[in-house]
Amino acid sequence: MTRLRKRLILLITLASLAGCAQTLRRDTPESATPTDWVTTDPAIRTVSTAPETLSSWWSQLNDRLLDQLIAEALKTAPDVRSASAKLRQARASLDLAQANLLPSIGASASAKRSKSGTGDAQTVYAAGFDASWEPSIFGGLSDAANAAQADAEATAATLESTRASLAAEVALNYITLRTSQRRLAIARDNLASQAETLQITEWRSAAGLVGVLDVDQASTNLEQSKATIPSLEDGRAQAEHHLAVLTGQAPGALRERLAAAQPLPKAPDSVAVGIPADTLRQRPDVHAAELKVQAERARAAQSEAERYPSLSLSGSFGWQALSVAGLGGGGSLARSLAASLAQTLFDGGRIRSRIAAQNAVEEQAVIAYEKAVLTALEDVENALSAYATGRARVEARQKAAASALRANTLARLQYQAGTVDFQKVLDTDRTRLSAEDGVASADADVLTAVVQLYKALGGGWTHDDETRTNDKTGSDAP
């Protein structure tokens, strides 16, 4: 018996060491990463960006209301709450997988009454403890725990990706709303100017200086400008409603806070971007894709472990007596210790098929990671290009708007003096409205490119943010 105990203790120790030796591989899948960005512009500086600068990039736009809306959305948005619930589910699955590595210990008590053939009846009382354990000798259970750990970390990264996307979406809708308000103001200013032109035309017609045709043209121009107002109002209303939903409120809840027209946040004169490798480290979606590869690799190792034997250990310790008072006595002591080793000899190729299937899943995860890397690089390049070309477009449209205003003012003066016909006024009116509206749209495009660039660079989260999120309990989650 002593020799058996020593062998079992040695076997348990080796099994424990073998199980503990299984760790989650952290090697990153290979991917081709360029050393620099394709898009170049004097306003784009390639320098290392501090994580804290990117984590709250919206504060650089200096708009307090935008800061408030993003903060509210990050706390109450349905998408964030849903992603947080998924994270709690993943953590619970991790706890379960880690619990499978530990022994299971139970306690029991029973009373059994039986009657023999002679008619004598007796009651047998029993109480004790039992334990069972399946050591992860070849890493099957450890690999399952490692996969669950990678899944939980990937879900945490997905939560941060959701938060980053949400912050960008709030900013984009806020830009849309402020742009609609600005375009409405431009349209109404032009409407007032055209109404004044119509009145002057009516006076000149009454004086016999122009014909009815000029009056009809001026009236048509005014009504066409009026027709643009409802579509701009609709765009403003839709942006307002979506902002309310993004912050977890019913449409219309932000009407009072957003009713007053405010200027667009000012886009920075230059942006600092890191090298492509920095972006890949900062993007939460790329980080999540990388962790999913680690999870599938751990599952592949778990499938491989099915080829090898599995060890099960069990034991019990307790008492059995004909009376409750007799329990605990030396004569009532009962104990047992057992170990079993199992190995699959033939299963028709099931294990081999599961391994092949899991290897294919791992390959898919690697391909998804490679795609995430390429998508991240494309997002940054597109945003950099939009920012560079947008700045040039703003400058050109500002010059065009200034020229259109001068031409329109001169045409009105010449029309009043009778030196040009009314068609010149109509043409310059339309050109002025289009040019001023184009400036508003171009400013919005540059600001949109800035938001998309910060999002593409991985703005809105840091690895410290992820650690803080992982430390949260379910009750602390949004």
Protein backbone atom coordinates (compact mmCIF):
# COMPACT_ATOMS: atom_id res chain seq x y z
CA MET A 1 0.00 0.00 0.00
CA THR A 2 2.85 2.42 0.88
CA ARG A 3 4.56 1.75 -2.46
CA LEU A 4 1.29 2.36 -4.31
CA ARG A 5 0.81 5.67 -2.52
CA LYS A 6 4.31 6.81 -3.45
CA ARG A 7 3.73 5.93 -7.08
CA LEU A 8 0.42 7.76 -7.14
CA ILE A 9 1.98 10.84 -5.49
CA LEU A 10 4.78 10.81 -8.06
CA LEU A 11 2.29 10.38 -10.90
CA ILE A 12 0.16 13.26 -9.60
CA THR A 13 3.22 15.51 -9.28
CA LEU A 14 4.36 14.78 -12.83
CA ALA A 15 0.85 15.33 -14.14
CA SER A 16 0.65 18.68 -12.34
CA LEU A 17 3.96 19.79 -13.78
CA ALA A 18 2.95 18.67 -17.25
CA GLY A 19 -0.32 20.58 -16.97
CA CYS A 20 1.38 23.74 -15.68
CA ALA A 21 3.92 23.59 -18.49
CA GLN A 22 1.23 24.34 -21.07
CA THR A 23 1.19 28.10 -21.72
CA LEU A 24 -0.51 30.25 -24.29
CA ARG A 25 1.77 30.94 -27.22
CA ARG A 26 2.07 34.68 -27.84
CA ASP A 27 3.85 34.67 -31.18
CA THR A 28 2.26 37.12 -33.60
CA PRO A 29 1.33 35.84 -37.08
CA GLU A 30 3.61 37.13 -39.80
CA SER A 31 2.37 40.00 -41.96
CA ALA A 32 4.02 42.29 -44.46
CA THR A 33 4.13 45.78 -42.93
CA PRO A 34 5.47 48.76 -44.92
CA THR A 35 8.02 51.01 -43.27
CA ASP A 36 6.21 54.25 -44.16
CA TRP A 37 2.97 55.62 -45.57
CA VAL A 38 2.39 56.19 -49.27
CA THR A 39 0.56 59.52 -48.81
CA THR A 40 2.81 62.49 -48.12
CA ASP A 41 1.90 66.10 -47.38
CA PRO A 42 3.57 68.97 -45.51
CA ALA A 43 0.72 68.87 -42.96
CA ILE A 44 1.33 65.18 -42.21
CA ARG A 45 4.17 64.52 -39.79
CA THR A 46 5.42 60.96 -39.32
CA VAL A 47 6.34 60.87 -35.65
CA SER A 48 5.53 58.49 -32.84
CA THR A 49 2.15 59.35 -31.36
CA ALA A 50 1.68 59.03 -27.63
CA PRO A 51 -1.08 56.55 -26.69
CA GLU A 52 -2.69 59.09 -24.36
CA THR A 53 -2.96 61.53 -27.30
CA LEU A 54 -4.88 59.00 -29.37
CA SER A 55 -6.99 57.59 -26.55
CA SER A 56 -9.05 60.83 -26.26
CA TRP A 57 -8.36 62.34 -29.66
CA TRP A 58 -11.70 64.18 -29.76
CA SER A 59 -10.52 66.57 -27.03
CA GLN A 60 -8.14 68.08 -29.61
CA LEU A 61 -11.16 69.45 -31.50
CA ASN A 62 -11.92 71.79 -28.57
CA ASP A 63 -15.69 71.32 -28.55
CA ARG A 64 -17.07 70.78 -25.06
CA LEU A 65 -20.47 69.57 -26.24
CA LEU A 66 -18.85 66.97 -28.48
CA ASP A 67 -16.75 65.80 -25.52
CA GLN A 68 -19.91 65.43 -23.43
CA LEU A 69 -21.79 63.50 -26.12
CA ILE A 70 -18.93 61.04 -26.63
CA ALA A 71 -18.59 60.51 -22.87
CA GLU A 72 -22.33 59.81 -22.60
CA ALA A 73 -22.27 57.42 -25.55
CA LEU A 74 -19.34 55.44 -24.12
CA LYS A 75 -21.35 54.88 -20.94
CA THR A 76 -24.85 54.19 -22.20
CA ALA A 77 -24.79 53.19 -25.88
CA PRO A 78 -26.49 49.82 -26.58
CA ASP A 79 -23.53 48.59 -28.65
CA VAL A 80 -21.13 49.16 -25.76
CA ARG A 81 -23.44 47.49 -23.25
CA SER A 82 -23.86 44.49 -25.56
CA ALA A 83 -20.09 44.16 -26.10
CA SER A 84 -19.59 44.45 -22.34
CA ALA A 85 -22.06 41.62 -21.74
CA LYS A 86 -20.16 39.47 -24.25
CA LEU A 87 -16.97 40.19 -22.33
CA ARG A 88 -18.55 39.03 -19.07
CA GLN A 89 -19.69 35.85 -20.85
CA ALA A 90 -16.15 35.23 -22.15
CA ARG A 91 -14.70 35.72 -18.67
CA ALA A 92 -17.19 33.26 -17.21
CA SER A 93 -16.16 30.72 -19.86
CA LEU A 94 -12.52 31.33 -18.90
CA ASP A 95 -13.31 30.71 -15.23
CA LEU A 96 -15.02 27.45 -16.19
CA ALA A 97 -12.07 26.29 -18.31
CA GLN A 98 -9.62 27.09 -15.53
CA ALA A 99 -11.81 25.32 -12.98
CA ASN A 100 -11.54 22.14 -15.06
CA LEU A 101 -7.82 22.08 -14.23
CA LEU A 102 -8.52 21.73 -10.51
CA PRO A 103 -9.70 18.72 -8.49
CA SER A 104 -13.35 18.29 -7.64
CA ILE A 105 -14.09 17.63 -3.95
CA GLY A 106 -17.48 16.72 -2.51
CA ALA A 107 -19.09 15.65 0.73
CA SER A 108 -21.96 13.22 1.25
CA ALA A 109 -24.04 11.64 3.98
CA SER A 110 -26.58 8.82 3.72
CA ALA A 111 -28.72 6.41 5.69
CA LYS A 112 -29.79 3.09 4.19
CA ARG A 113 -32.24 0.63 5.82
CA SER A 114 -32.37 -2.95 4.59
CA LYS A 115 -33.93 -6.25 5.72
CA SER A 116 -32.29 -9.64 5.43
CA GLY A 117 -33.95 -12.96 4.59
CA THR A 118 -34.33 -13.77 8.30
CA GLY A 119 -36.46 -10.71 8.78
CA ASP A 120 -33.84 -8.71 10.65
CA ALA A 121 -33.67 -5.05 9.63
CA GLN A 122 -30.73 -2.75 10.04
CA THR A 123 -29.82 0.80 9.10
CA VAL A 124 -26.36 1.66 7.75
CA TYR A 125 -25.16 5.26 8.15
CA ALA A 126 -22.36 6.68 6.02
CA ALA A 127 -20.59 10.05 5.74
CA GLY A 128 -17.42 11.16 4.06
CA PHE A 129 -15.61 13.02 1.34
CA ASP A 130 -14.71 12.14 -2.22
CA ALA A 131 -12.42 13.76 -4.77
CA SER A 132 -11.66 13.35 -8.44
CA TRP A 133 -9.11 14.95 -10.75
CA GLU A 134 -8.10 14.65 -14.37
CA PRO A 135 -4.51 15.95 -14.64
CA SER A 136 -3.70 17.62 -17.94
CA ILE A 137 -0.76 15.37 -18.71
CA PHE A 138 -0.52 16.21 -22.40
CA GLY A 139 -2.06 19.67 -22.12
CA GLY A 140 -5.60 19.08 -23.35
CA LEU A 141 -7.34 20.87 -20.48
CA SER A 142 -4.56 23.46 -20.24
CA ASP A 143 -4.91 24.22 -23.94
CA ALA A 144 -8.66 24.61 -23.49
CA ALA A 145 -8.00 27.12 -20.70
CA ASN A 146 -5.48 28.94 -22.87
CA ALA A 147 -8.01 29.16 -25.70
CA ALA A 148 -10.61 30.56 -23.31
CA GLN A 149 -8.07 33.09 -22.03
CA ALA A 150 -7.29 34.27 -25.57
CA ASP A 151 -11.02 34.42 -26.34
CA ALA A 152 -11.60 36.62 -23.28
CA GLU A 153 -8.75 38.94 -24.23
CA ALA A 154 -10.01 39.11 -27.82
CA THR A 155 -13.49 39.97 -26.57
CA ALA A 156 -11.99 42.72 -24.40
CA ALA A 157 -10.21 44.09 -27.47
CA THR A 158 -13.47 43.89 -29.43
CA LEU A 159 -15.16 45.93 -26.70
CA GLU A 160 -12.45 48.58 -27.06
CA SER A 161 -12.90 48.48 -30.84
CA THR A 162 -16.62 49.06 -30.34
CA ARG A 163 -15.88 52.03 -28.09
CA ALA A 164 -13.41 53.50 -30.59
CA SER A 165 -15.89 53.12 -33.46
CA LEU A 166 -18.66 54.62 -31.34
CA ALA A 167 -16.61 57.71 -30.48
CA ALA A 168 -15.85 58.23 -34.18
CA GLU A 169 -19.50 57.73 -35.16
CA VAL A 170 -20.66 60.30 -32.60
CA ALA A 171 -18.08 62.77 -33.92
CA LEU A 172 -19.08 62.16 -37.55
CA ASN A 173 -22.77 62.69 -36.82
CA TYR A 174 -21.96 65.80 -34.81
CA ILE A 175 -20.02 67.14 -37.80
CA THR A 176 -22.97 66.32 -40.06
CA LEU A 177 -25.34 68.21 -37.76
CA ARG A 178 -23.13 71.31 -37.49
CA THR A 179 -22.50 71.25 -41.24
CA SER A 180 -26.24 71.10 -41.93
CA GLN A 181 -26.78 74.05 -39.60
CA ARG A 182 -24.05 76.03 -41.37
CA ARG A 183 -25.42 75.21 -44.81
CA LEU A 184 -28.88 76.19 -43.63
CA ALA A 185 -27.52 79.55 -42.51
CA ILE A 186 -25.84 80.05 -45.90
CA ALA A 187 -29.02 79.10 -47.75
CA ARG A 188 -31.13 81.45 -45.65
CA ASP A 189 -28.69 84.33 -46.15
CA ASN A 190 -28.84 83.76 -49.90
CA LEU A 191 -32.61 83.47 -49.65
CA ALA A 192 -32.81 86.88 -47.98
CA SER A 193 -30.55 88.34 -50.67
CA GLN A 194 -32.67 86.84 -53.43
CA ALA A 195 -35.84 88.13 -51.78
CA GLU A 196 -34.30 91.60 -51.83
CA THR A 197 -33.39 91.13 -55.49
CA LEU A 198 -36.99 90.11 -56.27
CA GLN A 199 -38.28 93.23 -54.57
CA ILE A 200 -35.91 95.45 -56.54
CA THR A 201 -36.95 93.70 -59.75
CA GLU A 202 -40.62 94.27 -58.97
CA TRP A 203 -39.91 97.96 -58.36
CA ARG A 204 -38.04 98.25 -61.64
CA SER A 205 -40.85 96.41 -63.42
CA ALA A 206 -43.43 98.76 -61.93
CA ALA A 207 -41.32 101.67 -63.14
CA GLY A 208 -41.23 100.18 -66.63
CA LEU A 209 -37.47 99.65 -66.56
CA VAL A 210 -37.64 95.85 -66.98
CA GLY A 211 -40.19 93.39 -68.21
CA VAL A 212 -42.26 90.77 -66.43
CA LEU A 213 -39.71 88.15 -67.49
CA ASP A 214 -37.15 89.49 -65.01
CA VAL A 215 -39.72 89.33 -62.21
CA ASP A 216 -40.59 85.73 -63.06
CA GLN A 217 -36.92 84.75 -63.21
CA ALA A 218 -36.24 86.37 -59.84
CA SER A 219 -39.27 84.62 -58.33
CA THR A 220 -38.21 81.27 -59.78
CA ASN A 221 -34.69 81.71 -58.38
CA LEU A 222 -36.11 82.49 -54.94
CA GLU A 223 -38.42 79.47 -54.89
CA GLN A 224 -35.66 77.14 -56.05
CA SER A 225 -33.51 78.32 -53.15
CA LYS A 226 -36.43 77.76 -50.77
CA ALA A 227 -36.67 74.18 -52.04
CA THR A 228 -33.17 73.41 -50.70
CA ILE A 229 -34.15 74.28 -47.11
CA PRO A 230 -36.29 71.17 -46.32
CA SER A 231 -33.58 68.70 -47.40
CA LEU A 232 -31.01 70.50 -45.25
CA GLU A 233 -33.45 70.50 -42.32
CA ASP A 234 -33.99 66.78 -42.83
CA GLY A 235 -30.25 66.10 -42.77
CA ARG A 236 -29.89 68.11 -39.57
CA ALA A 237 -32.83 66.31 -37.92
CA GLN A 238 -31.54 62.84 -38.87
CA ALA A 239 -28.09 63.62 -37.45
CA GLU A 240 -29.69 64.90 -34.24
CA HIS A 241 -31.85 61.80 -33.90
CA HIS A 242 -28.93 59.45 -34.52
CA LEU A 243 -26.81 61.26 -31.93
CA ALA A 244 -29.58 60.68 -29.41
CA VAL A 245 -29.70 56.96 -30.21
CA LEU A 246 -25.91 56.70 -30.02
CA THR A 247 -26.04 58.12 -26.51
CA GLY A 248 -28.74 55.60 -25.53
CA GLN A 249 -31.66 58.05 -25.68
CA ALA A 250 -34.85 58.36 -27.70
CA PRO A 251 -34.78 60.51 -30.86
CA GLY A 252 -35.52 64.09 -29.91
CA ALA A 253 -33.91 63.91 -26.50
CA LEU A 254 -31.05 66.17 -27.62
CA ARG A 255 -33.20 68.75 -29.41
CA GLU A 256 -32.71 71.53 -26.88
CA ARG A 257 -28.99 70.91 -26.47
CA LEU A 258 -28.35 70.92 -30.22
CA ALA A 259 -30.92 73.49 -31.37
CA ALA A 260 -28.58 76.48 -31.32
CA ALA A 261 -26.33 76.59 -34.37
CA GLN A 262 -22.64 76.41 -33.49
CA PRO A 263 -19.57 76.56 -35.72
CA LEU A 264 -17.83 73.39 -36.78
CA PRO A 265 -14.95 72.22 -34.61
CA LYS A 266 -11.70 73.42 -36.14
CA ALA A 267 -9.61 70.80 -37.88
CA PRO A 268 -5.93 70.81 -36.85
CA ASP A 269 -3.49 72.48 -39.22
CA SER A 270 -1.32 69.34 -39.14
CA VAL A 271 -1.57 65.77 -37.92
CA ALA A 272 1.06 63.48 -36.45
CA VAL A 273 1.01 59.82 -37.43
CA GLY A 274 3.33 57.03 -36.40
CA ILE A 275 4.87 54.44 -38.66
CA PRO A 276 2.61 51.62 -39.91
CA ALA A 277 3.90 49.23 -37.25
CA ASP A 278 2.70 51.65 -34.56
CA THR A 279 -0.77 51.65 -36.05
CA LEU A 280 -0.97 47.86 -36.05
CA ARG A 281 -0.08 47.82 -32.36
CA GLN A 282 -2.68 50.48 -31.59
CA ARG A 283 -5.65 49.13 -33.55
CA PRO A 284 -7.99 47.16 -31.26
CA ASP A 285 -9.51 45.21 -34.15
CA VAL A 286 -6.05 44.04 -35.26
CA HIS A 287 -5.24 43.12 -31.66
CA ALA A 288 -8.50 41.14 -31.43
CA ALA A 289 -7.73 39.30 -34.68
CA GLU A 290 -4.27 38.41 -33.38
CA LEU A 291 -5.75 37.04 -30.14
CA LYS A 292 -8.24 34.95 -32.10
CA VAL A 293 -5.30 33.31 -33.86
CA GLN A 294 -3.81 32.48 -30.44
CA ALA A 295 -7.14 30.99 -29.35
CA GLU A 296 -7.42 28.77 -32.42
CA ARG A 297 -3.81 27.64 -32.02
CA ALA A 298 -4.55 26.61 -28.46
CA ARG A 299 -7.60 24.68 -29.65
CA ALA A 300 -5.46 22.98 -32.28
CA ALA A 301 -3.07 21.87 -29.52
CA GLN A 302 -6.09 20.68 -27.53
CA SER A 303 -7.18 18.56 -30.49
CA GLU A 304 -3.69 17.10 -30.79
CA ALA A 305 -3.78 16.11 -27.10
CA GLU A 306 -6.68 13.73 -27.87
CA ARG A 307 -4.11 11.40 -29.51
CA TYR A 308 -2.53 10.65 -26.12
CA PRO A 309 -3.71 8.84 -22.99
CA SER A 310 -5.77 10.59 -20.32
CA LEU A 311 -5.30 10.01 -16.60
CA SER A 312 -8.09 10.12 -14.01
CA LEU A 313 -7.54 10.05 -10.25
CA SER A 314 -10.23 9.53 -7.63
CA GLY A 315 -10.39 8.87 -3.97
CA SER A 316 -12.76 8.81 -1.00
CA PHE A 317 -12.46 9.09 2.76
CA GLY A 318 -15.30 8.52 5.19
CA TRP A 319 -17.05 6.46 7.83
CA GLN A 320 -19.71 3.75 7.79
CA ALA A 321 -21.56 2.47 10.86
CA LEU A 322 -24.86 0.98 12.04
CA SER A 323 -25.59 4.10 14.14
CA VAL A 324 -25.00 7.81 13.87
CA ALA A 325 -23.02 7.73 17.09
CA GLY A 326 -20.72 5.13 15.59
CA LEU A 327 -19.62 7.40 12.77
CA GLY A 328 -16.12 8.75 13.35
CA GLY A 329 -14.84 5.74 15.21
CA GLY A 330 -11.71 3.96 14.09
CA GLY A 331 -13.63 0.84 13.17
CA SER A 332 -15.98 2.77 10.88
CA LEU A 333 -13.26 4.33 8.76
CA ALA A 334 -13.41 3.59 5.04
CA ARG A 335 -11.12 4.95 2.34
CA SER A 336 -10.20 4.26 -1.25
CA LEU A 337 -7.79 5.53 -3.89
CA ALA A 338 -7.99 4.77 -7.62
CA ALA A 339 -6.26 5.79 -10.82
CA SER A 340 -7.17 4.99 -14.39
CA LEU A 341 -5.41 5.55 -17.69
CA ALA A 342 -7.41 5.58 -20.94
CA GLN A 343 -6.23 5.61 -24.54
CA THR A 344 -8.30 5.57 -27.73
CA LEU A 345 -7.07 2.74 -29.96
CA PHE A 346 -9.52 3.04 -32.84
CA ASP A 347 -12.20 5.61 -33.56
CA GLY A 348 -12.58 5.43 -37.33
CA GLY A 349 -10.51 8.60 -37.86
CA ARG A 350 -12.61 10.91 -35.68
CA ILE A 351 -9.66 12.44 -33.83
CA ARG A 352 -7.71 12.91 -37.04
CA SER A 353 -10.70 14.62 -38.65
CA ARG A 354 -11.18 16.94 -35.69
CA ILE A 355 -7.49 17.91 -35.83
CA ALA A 356 -7.72 18.61 -39.57
CA ALA A 357 -10.87 20.68 -39.08
CA GLN A 358 -9.29 22.71 -36.28
CA ASN A 359 -6.15 23.30 -38.33
CA ALA A 360 -8.37 24.73 -41.07
CA VAL A 361 -10.08 26.99 -38.52
CA GLU A 362 -6.66 28.19 -37.35
CA GLU A 363 -5.69 28.93 -40.96
CA GLN A 364 -8.88 30.98 -41.37
CA ALA A 365 -8.01 32.97 -38.24
CA VAL A 366 -4.54 33.70 -39.64
CA ILE A 367 -6.05 34.87 -42.93
CA ALA A 368 -8.54 37.05 -41.01
CA TYR A 369 -5.61 38.60 -39.14
CA GLU A 370 -3.78 39.31 -42.39
CA LYS A 371 -6.93 40.94 -43.77
CA ALA A 372 -7.32 43.04 -40.60
CA VAL A 373 -3.74 44.28 -41.05
CA LEU A 374 -4.31 45.21 -44.70
CA THR A 375 -7.62 46.89 -43.86
CA ALA A 376 -5.96 48.93 -41.11
CA LEU A 377 -3.23 50.12 -43.47
CA GLU A 378 -5.80 50.95 -46.14
CA ASP A 379 -7.94 52.92 -43.67
CA VAL A 380 -4.98 55.09 -42.68
CA GLU A 381 -3.89 55.69 -46.27
CA ASN A 382 -7.43 56.65 -47.32
CA ALA A 383 -7.80 59.02 -44.36
CA LEU A 384 -4.39 60.61 -45.02
CA SER A 385 -5.27 61.09 -48.67
CA ALA A 386 -8.66 62.59 -47.78
CA TYR A 387 -7.03 64.94 -45.29
CA ALA A 388 -4.34 66.12 -47.72
CA THR A 389 -6.67 66.61 -50.70
CA GLY A 390 -9.39 68.08 -48.48
CA ARG A 391 -7.09 70.83 -47.22
CA ALA A 392 -6.24 71.78 -50.80
CA ARG A 393 -9.92 71.74 -51.73
CA VAL A 394 -10.82 74.04 -48.82
CA GLU A 395 -8.25 76.60 -49.88
CA ALA A 396 -9.47 76.58 -53.49
CA ARG A 397 -13.13 76.81 -52.52
CA GLN A 398 -12.51 79.67 -50.12
CA LYS A 399 -10.91 81.62 -52.95
CA ALA A 400 -13.79 80.70 -55.25
CA ALA A 401 -16.36 81.82 -52.67
CA ALA A 402 -14.62 85.17 -52.22
CA SER A 403 -14.56 85.71 -55.98
CA ALA A 404 -18.21 84.66 -56.31
CA LEU A 405 -19.25 87.15 -53.60
CA ARG A 406 -17.45 90.00 -55.35
CA ALA A 407 -18.93 89.05 -58.72
CA ASN A 408 -22.44 88.79 -57.27
CA THR A 409 -22.18 92.16 -55.52
CA LEU A 410 -20.90 93.81 -58.69
CA ALA A 411 -23.64 92.21 -60.83
CA ARG A 412 -26.35 93.53 -58.49
CA LEU A 413 -24.92 97.05 -58.62
CA GLN A 414 -24.63 96.91 -62.40
CA TYR A 415 -28.19 95.59 -62.69
CA GLN A 416 -29.52 98.40 -60.55
CA ALA A 417 -27.61 100.83 -62.79
CA GLY A 418 -29.11 99.16 -65.86
CA THR A 419 -25.76 98.16 -67.41
CA VAL A 420 -26.31 94.35 -67.33
CA ASP A 421 -29.37 92.19 -67.78
CA PHE A 422 -30.99 90.18 -65.00
CA GLN A 423 -29.53 86.88 -66.21
CA LYS A 424 -26.11 88.03 -64.97
CA VAL A 425 -27.56 88.51 -61.48
CA LEU A 426 -29.16 85.06 -61.54
CA ASP A 427 -25.94 83.41 -62.67
CA THR A 428 -23.84 85.10 -60.00
CA ASP A 429 -26.49 84.32 -57.35
CA ARG A 430 -26.30 80.63 -58.15
CA THR A 431 -22.51 80.69 -58.29
CA ARG A 432 -22.27 82.46 -54.94
CA LEU A 433 -24.64 80.02 -53.23
CA SER A 434 -22.83 77.03 -54.70
CA ALA A 435 -19.40 78.40 -53.74
CA GLU A 436 -20.33 79.22 -50.14
CA ASP A 437 -22.08 75.88 -49.73
CA GLY A 438 -19.00 74.21 -51.18
CA VAL A 439 -16.78 75.83 -48.57
CA ALA A 440 -19.00 74.46 -45.79
CA SER A 441 -18.92 70.98 -47.32
CA ALA A 442 -15.15 71.13 -47.84
CA ASP A 443 -14.56 72.15 -44.21
CA ALA A 444 -16.73 69.24 -43.11
CA ASP A 445 -14.83 66.86 -45.39
CA VAL A 446 -11.49 67.82 -43.83
CA LEU A 447 -12.89 67.41 -40.33
CA THR A 448 -14.40 64.06 -41.31
CA ALA A 449 -11.03 62.95 -42.65
CA VAL A 450 -9.41 63.91 -39.32
CA VAL A 451 -11.95 61.82 -37.39
CA GLN A 452 -11.48 58.87 -39.73
CA LEU A 453 -7.71 59.23 -39.47
CA TYR A 454 -7.74 59.13 -35.67
CA LYS A 455 -10.01 56.10 -35.79
CA ALA A 456 -7.79 54.41 -38.39
CA LEU A 457 -4.70 55.06 -36.26
CA GLY A 458 -6.31 53.19 -33.37
CA GLY A 459 -7.56 56.24 -31.50
CA GLY A 460 -10.04 55.78 -28.68
CA TRP A 461 -8.23 53.07 -26.74
CA THR A 462 -4.84 52.04 -25.36
CA HIS A 463 -3.50 48.76 -23.97
CA ASP A 464 -3.85 50.37 -20.54
CA ASP A 465 -7.53 50.91 -21.29
CA GLU A 466 -7.85 47.21 -22.11
CA THR A 467 -6.18 46.23 -18.83
CA ARG A 468 -8.52 48.50 -16.93
CA THR A 469 -11.48 46.98 -18.75
CA ASN A 470 -10.29 43.46 -17.95
CA ASP A 471 -10.10 44.35 -14.26
CA LYS A 472 -13.73 45.45 -14.18
CA THR A 473 -16.35 43.27 -12.61
CA GLY A 474 -19.69 42.61 -14.21
CA SER A 475 -21.37 45.23 -12.05
CA ASP A 476 -18.83 47.86 -13.08
CA ALA A 477 -19.40 47.32 -16.75
CA PRO A 478 -21.45 49.89 -18.65
